[in-house]
Amino acid sequence: ILLQAMVGLDGTSCLEIPSRLDATYAVQTTLDERFQ
C-alpha cells in the first residue's frame, strides 16, 4: 500500500488507494500541498 502511495504522489495530502483485496485504504500523508 505504501509503495502504491509513493508511485501516486501528485501533490495531495490524502490518497485513496484501492487494494487487491477489494478494500479501500486512505493514506494521510505529511505533504504540504502548496509546497509540493
PDB file of all heavy atoms in Angstrom:
ATOM      1  N   ILE A   1       0.843  -1.200   0.000  1.00  0.00           N
ATOM      2  CA  ILE A   1       0.000   0.000   0.000  1.00  0.00           C
ATOM      3  C   ILE A   1       0.870   1.238   0.000  1.00  0.00           C
ATOM      4  O   ILE A   1       0.631   2.199  -0.740  1.00  0.00           O
ATOM      5  CB  ILE A   1      -0.931  -0.006   1.229  1.00  0.00           C
ATOM      6  CG1 ILE A   1      -1.819  -1.246   1.213  1.00  0.00           C
ATOM      7  CG2 ILE A   1      -1.772   1.260   1.280  1.00  0.00           C
ATOM      8  CD1 ILE A   1      -2.608  -1.432   2.486  1.00  0.00           C
ATOM      9  N   LEU A   2       1.891   1.245   0.830  1.00  0.00           N
ATOM     10  CA  LEU A   2       2.794   2.394   0.902  1.00  0.00           C
ATOM     11  C   LEU A   2       3.480   2.621  -0.440  1.00  0.00           C
ATOM     12  O   LEU A   2       3.595   3.762  -0.902  1.00  0.00           O
ATOM     13  CB  LEU A   2       3.834   2.172   1.997  1.00  0.00           C
ATOM     14  CG  LEU A   2       4.931   3.235   2.101  1.00  0.00           C
ATOM     15  CD1 LEU A   2       4.333   4.589   2.434  1.00  0.00           C
ATOM     16  CD2 LEU A   2       5.967   2.833   3.125  1.00  0.00           C
ATOM     17  N   LEU A   3       3.922   1.549  -1.081  1.00  0.00           N
ATOM     18  CA  LEU A   3       4.604   1.691  -2.358  1.00  0.00           C
ATOM     19  C   LEU A   3       3.676   2.294  -3.406  1.00  0.00           C
ATOM     20  O   LEU A   3       4.086   3.135  -4.207  1.00  0.00           O
ATOM     21  CB  LEU A   3       5.127   0.338  -2.823  1.00  0.00           C
ATOM     22  CG  LEU A   3       6.035   0.372  -4.059  1.00  0.00           C
ATOM     23  CD1 LEU A   3       7.272   1.197  -3.778  1.00  0.00           C
ATOM     24  CD2 LEU A   3       6.414  -1.029  -4.473  1.00  0.00           C
ATOM     25  N   GLN A   4       2.408   1.893  -3.388  1.00  0.00           N
ATOM     26  CA  GLN A   4       1.450   2.491  -4.307  1.00  0.00           C
ATOM     27  C   GLN A   4       1.289   3.987  -4.020  1.00  0.00           C
ATOM     28  O   GLN A   4       1.147   4.797  -4.940  1.00  0.00           O
ATOM     29  CB  GLN A   4       0.103   1.785  -4.193  1.00  0.00           C
ATOM     30  CG  GLN A   4       0.127   0.350  -4.684  1.00  0.00           C
ATOM     31  CD  GLN A   4      -1.253  -0.277  -4.628  1.00  0.00           C
ATOM     32  OE1 GLN A   4      -2.198   0.280  -5.159  1.00  0.00           O
ATOM     33  NE2 GLN A   4      -1.364  -1.426  -3.982  1.00  0.00           N
ATOM     34  N   ALA A   5       1.307   4.335  -2.742  1.00  0.00           N
ATOM     35  CA  ALA A   5       1.211   5.752  -2.390  1.00  0.00           C
ATOM     36  C   ALA A   5       2.424   6.519  -2.916  1.00  0.00           C
ATOM     37  O   ALA A   5       2.299   7.651  -3.393  1.00  0.00           O
ATOM     38  CB  ALA A   5       1.104   5.915  -0.877  1.00  0.00           C
ATOM     39  N   MET A   6       3.613   5.903  -2.849  1.00  0.00           N
ATOM     40  CA  MET A   6       4.806   6.554  -3.373  1.00  0.00           C
ATOM     41  C   MET A   6       4.673   6.804  -4.874  1.00  0.00           C
ATOM     42  O   MET A   6       5.011   7.871  -5.382  1.00  0.00           O
ATOM     43  CB  MET A   6       6.041   5.669  -3.132  1.00  0.00           C
ATOM     44  CG  MET A   6       6.381   5.388  -1.690  1.00  0.00           C
ATOM     45  SD  MET A   6       6.917   6.838  -0.786  1.00  0.00           S
ATOM     46  CE  MET A   6       5.463   7.122   0.194  1.00  0.00           C
ATOM     47  N   VAL A   7       4.152   5.799  -5.590  1.00  0.00           N
ATOM     48  CA  VAL A   7       4.012   5.929  -7.034  1.00  0.00           C
ATOM     49  C   VAL A   7       2.991   7.005  -7.375  1.00  0.00           C
ATOM     50  O   VAL A   7       3.113   7.723  -8.365  1.00  0.00           O
ATOM     51  CB  VAL A   7       3.612   4.577  -7.653  1.00  0.00           C
ATOM     52  CG1 VAL A   7       3.335   4.722  -9.141  1.00  0.00           C
ATOM     53  CG2 VAL A   7       4.713   3.554  -7.433  1.00  0.00           C
ATOM     54  N   GLY A   8       1.978   7.176  -6.528  1.00  0.00           N
ATOM     55  CA  GLY A   8       0.887   8.075  -6.854  1.00  0.00           C
ATOM     56  C   GLY A   8       1.015   9.469  -6.306  1.00  0.00           C
ATOM     57  O   GLY A   8       0.029  10.198  -6.292  1.00  0.00           O
ATOM     58  N   LEU A   9       2.187   9.865  -5.843  1.00  0.00           N
ATOM     59  CA  LEU A   9       2.332  11.212  -5.292  1.00  0.00           C
ATOM     60  C   LEU A   9       1.963  12.254  -6.346  1.00  0.00           C
ATOM     61  O   LEU A   9       2.538  12.300  -7.425  1.00  0.00           O
ATOM     62  CB  LEU A   9       3.775  11.444  -4.828  1.00  0.00           C
ATOM     63  CG  LEU A   9       4.182  10.723  -3.548  1.00  0.00           C
ATOM     64  CD1 LEU A   9       5.641  10.979  -3.255  1.00  0.00           C
ATOM     65  CD2 LEU A   9       3.335  11.166  -2.384  1.00  0.00           C
ATOM     66  N   ASP A  10       0.995  13.080  -6.032  1.00  0.00           N
ATOM     67  CA  ASP A  10       0.542  14.069  -7.007  1.00  0.00           C
ATOM     68  C   ASP A  10       0.231  15.405  -6.352  1.00  0.00           C
ATOM     69  O   ASP A  10      -0.538  16.205  -6.881  1.00  0.00           O
ATOM     70  CB  ASP A  10      -0.693  13.562  -7.754  1.00  0.00           C
ATOM     71  CG  ASP A  10      -1.854  13.259  -6.810  1.00  0.00           C
ATOM     72  OD1 ASP A  10      -1.665  13.384  -5.594  1.00  0.00           O
ATOM     73  OD2 ASP A  10      -2.940  12.924  -7.296  1.00  0.00           O
ATOM     74  N   GLY A  11       0.807  15.667  -5.188  1.00  0.00           N
ATOM     75  CA  GLY A  11       0.592  16.957  -4.547  1.00  0.00           C
ATOM     76  C   GLY A  11      -0.557  16.979  -3.586  1.00  0.00           C
ATOM     77  O   GLY A  11      -0.866  18.017  -3.014  1.00  0.00           O
ATOM     78  N   THR A  12      -1.223  15.856  -3.358  1.00  0.00           N
ATOM     79  CA  THR A  12      -2.342  15.825  -2.435  1.00  0.00           C
ATOM     80  C   THR A  12      -1.879  15.299  -1.085  1.00  0.00           C
ATOM     81  O   THR A  12      -0.894  14.569  -0.978  1.00  0.00           O
ATOM     82  CB  THR A  12      -3.454  14.915  -2.967  1.00  0.00           C
ATOM     83  OG1 THR A  12      -2.935  13.600  -3.116  1.00  0.00           O
ATOM     84  CG2 THR A  12      -3.948  15.408  -4.312  1.00  0.00           C
ATOM     85  N   SER A  13      -2.602  15.681  -0.047  1.00  0.00           N
ATOM     86  CA  SER A  13      -2.200  15.254   1.292  1.00  0.00           C
ATOM     87  C   SER A  13      -2.880  13.968   1.705  1.00  0.00           C
ATOM     88  O   SER A  13      -2.554  13.389   2.721  1.00  0.00           O
ATOM     89  CB  SER A  13      -2.549  16.344   2.311  1.00  0.00           C
ATOM     90  OG  SER A  13      -3.953  16.527   2.364  1.00  0.00           O
ATOM     91  N   CYS A  14      -3.890  13.531   0.965  1.00  0.00           N
ATOM     92  CA  CYS A  14      -4.589  12.301   1.317  1.00  0.00           C
ATOM     93  C   CYS A  14      -4.829  11.501   0.049  1.00  0.00           C
ATOM     94  O   CYS A  14      -5.370  12.017  -0.926  1.00  0.00           O
ATOM     95  CB  CYS A  14      -5.915  12.613   2.009  1.00  0.00           C
ATOM     96  SG  CYS A  14      -6.696  11.172   2.765  1.00  0.00           S
ATOM     97  N   LEU A  15      -4.402  10.262   0.038  1.00  0.00           N
ATOM     98  CA  LEU A  15      -4.500   9.421  -1.149  1.00  0.00           C
ATOM     99  C   LEU A  15      -5.422   8.243  -0.857  1.00  0.00           C
ATOM    100  O   LEU A  15      -5.294   7.590   0.178  1.00  0.00           O
ATOM    101  CB  LEU A  15      -3.115   8.901  -1.552  1.00  0.00           C
ATOM    102  CG  LEU A  15      -2.055   9.963  -1.820  1.00  0.00           C
ATOM    103  CD1 LEU A  15      -0.709   9.287  -1.993  1.00  0.00           C
ATOM    104  CD2 LEU A  15      -2.402  10.764  -3.043  1.00  0.00           C
ATOM    105  N   GLU A  16      -6.334   7.968  -1.751  1.00  0.00           N
ATOM    106  CA  GLU A  16      -7.238   6.838  -1.612  1.00  0.00           C
ATOM    107  C   GLU A  16      -6.765   5.717  -2.525  1.00  0.00           C
ATOM    108  O   GLU A  16      -6.663   5.896  -3.741  1.00  0.00           O
ATOM    109  CB  GLU A  16      -8.666   7.245  -1.974  1.00  0.00           C
ATOM    110  CG  GLU A  16      -9.693   6.175  -1.625  1.00  0.00           C
ATOM    111  CD  GLU A  16     -11.104   6.685  -1.818  1.00  0.00           C
ATOM    112  OE1 GLU A  16     -11.599   6.550  -2.948  1.00  0.00           O
ATOM    113  OE2 GLU A  16     -11.691   7.217  -0.859  1.00  0.00           O
ATOM    114  N   ILE A  17      -6.472   4.569  -1.944  1.00  0.00           N
ATOM    115  CA  ILE A  17      -5.788   3.510  -2.682  1.00  0.00           C
ATOM    116  C   ILE A  17      -6.629   2.236  -2.681  1.00  0.00           C
ATOM    117  O   ILE A  17      -6.815   1.628  -1.630  1.00  0.00           O
ATOM    118  CB  ILE A  17      -4.416   3.226  -2.052  1.00  0.00           C
ATOM    119  CG1 ILE A  17      -3.593   4.505  -2.020  1.00  0.00           C
ATOM    120  CG2 ILE A  17      -3.694   2.133  -2.809  1.00  0.00           C
ATOM    121  CD1 ILE A  17      -2.347   4.379  -1.222  1.00  0.00           C
ATOM    122  N   PRO A  18      -7.144   1.822  -3.835  1.00  0.00           N
ATOM    123  CA  PRO A  18      -7.822   0.522  -3.902  1.00  0.00           C
ATOM    124  C   PRO A  18      -6.797  -0.604  -3.754  1.00  0.00           C
ATOM    125  O   PRO A  18      -5.763  -0.595  -4.405  1.00  0.00           O
ATOM    126  CB  PRO A  18      -8.453   0.513  -5.297  1.00  0.00           C
ATOM    127  CG  PRO A  18      -8.356   1.918  -5.791  1.00  0.00           C
ATOM    128  CD  PRO A  18      -7.171   2.522  -5.106  1.00  0.00           C
ATOM    129  N   SER A  19      -7.072  -1.555  -2.899  1.00  0.00           N
ATOM    130  CA  SER A  19      -6.134  -2.654  -2.696  1.00  0.00           C
ATOM    131  C   SER A  19      -6.556  -3.858  -3.522  1.00  0.00           C
ATOM    132  O   SER A  19      -7.615  -3.875  -4.146  1.00  0.00           O
ATOM    133  CB  SER A  19      -6.085  -3.039  -1.214  1.00  0.00           C
ATOM    134  OG  SER A  19      -7.263  -3.740  -0.860  1.00  0.00           O
ATOM    135  N   ARG A  20      -5.738  -4.860  -3.506  1.00  0.00           N
ATOM    136  CA  ARG A  20      -6.040  -6.079  -4.252  1.00  0.00           C
ATOM    137  C   ARG A  20      -7.071  -6.936  -3.527  1.00  0.00           C
ATOM    138  O   ARG A  20      -7.513  -7.949  -4.052  1.00  0.00           O
ATOM    139  CB  ARG A  20      -4.747  -6.873  -4.461  1.00  0.00           C
ATOM    140  CG  ARG A  20      -3.710  -6.119  -5.281  1.00  0.00           C
ATOM    141  CD  ARG A  20      -2.390  -6.850  -5.319  1.00  0.00           C
ATOM    142  NE  ARG A  20      -1.386  -6.114  -6.071  1.00  0.00           N
ATOM    143  CZ  ARG A  20      -0.111  -6.466  -6.150  1.00  0.00           C
ATOM    144  NH1 ARG A  20       0.312  -7.559  -5.530  1.00  0.00           N
ATOM    145  NH2 ARG A  20       0.746  -5.745  -6.857  1.00  0.00           N
ATOM    146  N   LEU A  21      -7.452  -6.558  -2.315  1.00  0.00           N
ATOM    147  CA  LEU A  21      -8.414  -7.322  -1.527  1.00  0.00           C
ATOM    148  C   LEU A  21      -9.787  -6.673  -1.551  1.00  0.00           C
ATOM    149  O   LEU A  21     -10.594  -6.877  -0.654  1.00  0.00           O
ATOM    150  CB  LEU A  21      -7.906  -7.445  -0.080  1.00  0.00           C
ATOM    151  CG  LEU A  21      -6.523  -8.075   0.084  1.00  0.00           C
ATOM    152  CD1 LEU A  21      -6.110  -8.070   1.546  1.00  0.00           C
ATOM    153  CD2 LEU A  21      -6.534  -9.500  -0.461  1.00  0.00           C
ATOM    154  N   ASP A  22     -10.067  -5.862  -2.573  1.00  0.00           N
ATOM    155  CA  ASP A  22     -11.359  -5.201  -2.727  1.00  0.00           C
ATOM    156  C   ASP A  22     -11.696  -4.319  -1.534  1.00  0.00           C
ATOM    157  O   ASP A  22     -12.865  -4.154  -1.176  1.00  0.00           O
ATOM    158  CB  ASP A  22     -12.478  -6.231  -2.939  1.00  0.00           C
ATOM    159  CG  ASP A  22     -12.297  -7.002  -4.237  1.00  0.00           C
ATOM    160  OD1 ASP A  22     -11.748  -6.396  -5.187  1.00  0.00           O
ATOM    161  OD2 ASP A  22     -12.682  -8.173  -4.291  1.00  0.00           O
ATOM    162  N   ALA A  23     -10.678  -3.761  -0.902  1.00  0.00           N
ATOM    163  CA  ALA A  23     -10.886  -2.790   0.184  1.00  0.00           C
ATOM    164  C   ALA A  23     -10.199  -1.489  -0.215  1.00  0.00           C
ATOM    165  O   ALA A  23      -9.327  -1.472  -1.080  1.00  0.00           O
ATOM    166  CB  ALA A  23     -10.320  -3.319   1.497  1.00  0.00           C
ATOM    167  N   THR A  24     -10.605  -0.412   0.400  1.00  0.00           N
ATOM    168  CA  THR A  24     -10.034   0.898   0.093  1.00  0.00           C
ATOM    169  C   THR A  24      -9.321   1.439   1.314  1.00  0.00           C
ATOM    170  O   THR A  24      -9.892   1.490   2.409  1.00  0.00           O
ATOM    171  CB  THR A  24     -11.138   1.882  -0.348  1.00  0.00           C
ATOM    172  OG1 THR A  24     -11.740   1.380  -1.525  1.00  0.00           O
ATOM    173  CG2 THR A  24     -10.544   3.255  -0.620  1.00  0.00           C
ATOM    174  N   TYR A  25      -8.062   1.841   1.132  1.00  0.00           N
ATOM    175  CA  TYR A  25      -7.265   2.386   2.217  1.00  0.00           C
ATOM    176  C   TYR A  25      -7.044   3.875   1.973  1.00  0.00           C
ATOM    177  O   TYR A  25      -6.693   4.280   0.868  1.00  0.00           O
ATOM    178  CB  TYR A  25      -5.919   1.677   2.315  1.00  0.00           C
ATOM    179  CG  TYR A  25      -6.015   0.226   2.712  1.00  0.00           C
ATOM    180  CD1 TYR A  25      -6.159  -0.760   1.736  1.00  0.00           C
ATOM    181  CD2 TYR A  25      -5.984  -0.159   4.040  1.00  0.00           C
ATOM    182  CE1 TYR A  25      -6.263  -2.093   2.081  1.00  0.00           C
ATOM    183  CE2 TYR A  25      -6.078  -1.495   4.401  1.00  0.00           C
ATOM    184  CZ  TYR A  25      -6.218  -2.447   3.420  1.00  0.00           C
ATOM    185  OH  TYR A  25      -6.325  -3.765   3.768  1.00  0.00           O
ATOM    186  N   ALA A  26      -7.239   4.663   3.005  1.00  0.00           N
ATOM    187  CA  ALA A  26      -6.971   6.101   2.941  1.00  0.00           C
ATOM    188  C   ALA A  26      -5.651   6.373   3.642  1.00  0.00           C
ATOM    189  O   ALA A  26      -5.512   6.100   4.835  1.00  0.00           O
ATOM    190  CB  ALA A  26      -8.091   6.895   3.599  1.00  0.00           C
ATOM    191  N   VAL A  27      -4.677   6.889   2.900  1.00  0.00           N
ATOM    192  CA  VAL A  27      -3.352   7.172   3.439  1.00  0.00           C
ATOM    193  C   VAL A  27      -3.218   8.687   3.634  1.00  0.00           C
ATOM    194  O   VAL A  27      -3.220   9.437   2.658  1.00  0.00           O
ATOM    195  CB  VAL A  27      -2.248   6.660   2.492  1.00  0.00           C
ATOM    196  CG1 VAL A  27      -0.870   6.960   3.069  1.00  0.00           C
ATOM    197  CG2 VAL A  27      -2.411   5.168   2.257  1.00  0.00           C
ATOM    198  N   GLN A  28      -3.138   9.112   4.880  1.00  0.00           N
ATOM    199  CA  GLN A  28      -2.948  10.525   5.187  1.00  0.00           C
ATOM    200  C   GLN A  28      -1.448  10.809   5.246  1.00  0.00           C
ATOM    201  O   GLN A  28      -0.718  10.200   6.038  1.00  0.00           O
ATOM    202  CB  GLN A  28      -3.586  10.885   6.525  1.00  0.00           C
ATOM    203  CG  GLN A  28      -3.470  12.349   6.917  1.00  0.00           C
ATOM    204  CD  GLN A  28      -4.320  13.240   6.029  1.00  0.00           C
ATOM    205  OE1 GLN A  28      -5.473  12.926   5.772  1.00  0.00           O
ATOM    206  NE2 GLN A  28      -3.759  14.336   5.565  1.00  0.00           N
ATOM    207  N   THR A  29      -0.953  11.687   4.387  1.00  0.00           N
ATOM    208  CA  THR A  29       0.476  11.949   4.288  1.00  0.00           C
ATOM    209  C   THR A  29       0.854  13.247   4.990  1.00  0.00           C
ATOM    210  O   THR A  29      -0.002  14.023   5.418  1.00  0.00           O
ATOM    211  CB  THR A  29       0.919  12.031   2.816  1.00  0.00           C
ATOM    212  OG1 THR A  29       0.445  13.255   2.254  1.00  0.00           O
ATOM    213  CG2 THR A  29       0.376  10.861   2.021  1.00  0.00           C
ATOM    214  N   THR A  30       2.142  13.477   5.086  1.00  0.00           N
ATOM    215  CA  THR A  30       2.675  14.693   5.718  1.00  0.00           C
ATOM    216  C   THR A  30       2.910  15.811   4.712  1.00  0.00           C
ATOM    217  O   THR A  30       3.393  16.880   5.083  1.00  0.00           O
ATOM    218  CB  THR A  30       4.016  14.384   6.405  1.00  0.00           C
ATOM    219  OG1 THR A  30       4.965  13.976   5.413  1.00  0.00           O
ATOM    220  CG2 THR A  30       3.861  13.278   7.433  1.00  0.00           C
ATOM    221  N   LEU A  31       2.608  15.581   3.432  1.00  0.00           N
ATOM    222  CA  LEU A  31       2.960  16.541   2.393  1.00  0.00           C
ATOM    223  C   LEU A  31       2.269  17.885   2.613  1.00  0.00           C
ATOM    224  O   LEU A  31       1.085  17.936   2.934  1.00  0.00           O
ATOM    225  CB  LEU A  31       2.589  15.992   1.017  1.00  0.00           C
ATOM    226  CG  LEU A  31       3.330  14.743   0.549  1.00  0.00           C
ATOM    227  CD1 LEU A  31       2.816  14.308  -0.800  1.00  0.00           C
ATOM    228  CD2 LEU A  31       4.828  14.992   0.498  1.00  0.00           C
ATOM    229  N   ASP A  32       3.024  18.931   2.411  1.00  0.00           N
ATOM    230  CA  ASP A  32       2.474  20.281   2.363  1.00  0.00           C
ATOM    231  C   ASP A  32       2.000  20.506   0.930  1.00  0.00           C
ATOM    232  O   ASP A  32       2.812  20.648   0.016  1.00  0.00           O
ATOM    233  CB  ASP A  32       3.552  21.286   2.755  1.00  0.00           C
ATOM    234  CG  ASP A  32       3.050  22.715   2.793  1.00  0.00           C
ATOM    235  OD1 ASP A  32       2.232  23.086   1.919  1.00  0.00           O
ATOM    236  OD2 ASP A  32       3.484  23.478   3.676  1.00  0.00           O
ATOM    237  N   GLU A  33       0.679  20.528   0.729  1.00  0.00           N
ATOM    238  CA  GLU A  33       0.147  20.543  -0.635  1.00  0.00           C
ATOM    239  C   GLU A  33       0.652  21.748  -1.425  1.00  0.00           C
ATOM    240  O   GLU A  33       1.024  21.632  -2.595  1.00  0.00           O
ATOM    241  CB  GLU A  33      -1.379  20.554  -0.591  1.00  0.00           C
ATOM    242  CG  GLU A  33      -1.972  19.264  -0.065  1.00  0.00           C
ATOM    243  CD  GLU A  33      -3.481  19.257  -0.164  1.00  0.00           C
ATOM    244  OE1 GLU A  33      -4.025  19.948  -1.046  1.00  0.00           O
ATOM    245  OE2 GLU A  33      -4.114  18.558   0.635  1.00  0.00           O
ATOM    246  N   ARG A  34       0.690  22.918  -0.791  1.00  0.00           N
ATOM    247  CA  ARG A  34       1.121  24.114  -1.507  1.00  0.00           C
ATOM    248  C   ARG A  34       2.593  24.012  -1.902  1.00  0.00           C
ATOM    249  O   ARG A  34       2.966  24.306  -3.043  1.00  0.00           O
ATOM    250  CB  ARG A  34       0.897  25.352  -0.642  1.00  0.00           C
ATOM    251  CG  ARG A  34       1.334  26.649  -1.306  1.00  0.00           C
ATOM    252  CD  ARG A  34       1.120  27.849  -0.388  1.00  0.00           C
ATOM    253  NE  ARG A  34       1.590  29.072  -1.026  1.00  0.00           N
ATOM    254  CZ  ARG A  34       2.844  29.494  -1.021  1.00  0.00           C
ATOM    255  NH1 ARG A  34       3.772  28.756  -0.401  1.00  0.00           N
ATOM    256  NH2 ARG A  34       3.204  30.605  -1.628  1.00  0.00           N
ATOM    257  N   PHE A  35       3.441  23.569  -0.978  1.00  0.00           N
ATOM    258  CA  PHE A  35       4.863  23.486  -1.271  1.00  0.00           C
ATOM    259  C   PHE A  35       5.141  22.378  -2.280  1.00  0.00           C
ATOM    260  O   PHE A  35       6.019  22.506  -3.135  1.00  0.00           O
ATOM    261  CB  PHE A  35       5.641  23.258   0.027  1.00  0.00           C
ATOM    262  CG  PHE A  35       7.112  23.530  -0.104  1.00  0.00           C
ATOM    263  CD1 PHE A  35       7.564  24.695  -0.694  1.00  0.00           C
ATOM    264  CD2 PHE A  35       8.048  22.639   0.366  1.00  0.00           C
ATOM    265  CE1 PHE A  35       8.916  24.963  -0.813  1.00  0.00           C
ATOM    266  CE2 PHE A  35       9.399  22.883   0.253  1.00  0.00           C
ATOM    267  CZ  PHE A  35       9.837  24.047  -0.338  1.00  0.00           C
ATOM    268  N   GLN A  36       4.387  21.292  -2.196  1.00  0.00           N
ATOM    269  CA  GLN A  36       4.531  20.216  -3.169  1.00  0.00           C
ATOM    270  C   GLN A  36       4.213  20.723  -4.575  1.00  0.00           C
ATOM    271  O   GLN A  36       4.952  20.459  -5.533  1.00  0.00           O
ATOM    272  CB  GLN A  36       3.592  19.063  -2.799  1.00  0.00           C
ATOM    273  CG  GLN A  36       3.534  17.940  -3.809  1.00  0.00           C
ATOM    274  CD  GLN A  36       4.605  16.887  -3.614  1.00  0.00           C
ATOM    275  OE1 GLN A  36       5.491  17.032  -2.793  1.00  0.00           O
ATOM    276  NE2 GLN A  36       4.527  15.816  -4.388  1.00  0.00           N
TER     277      GLN A  36
END
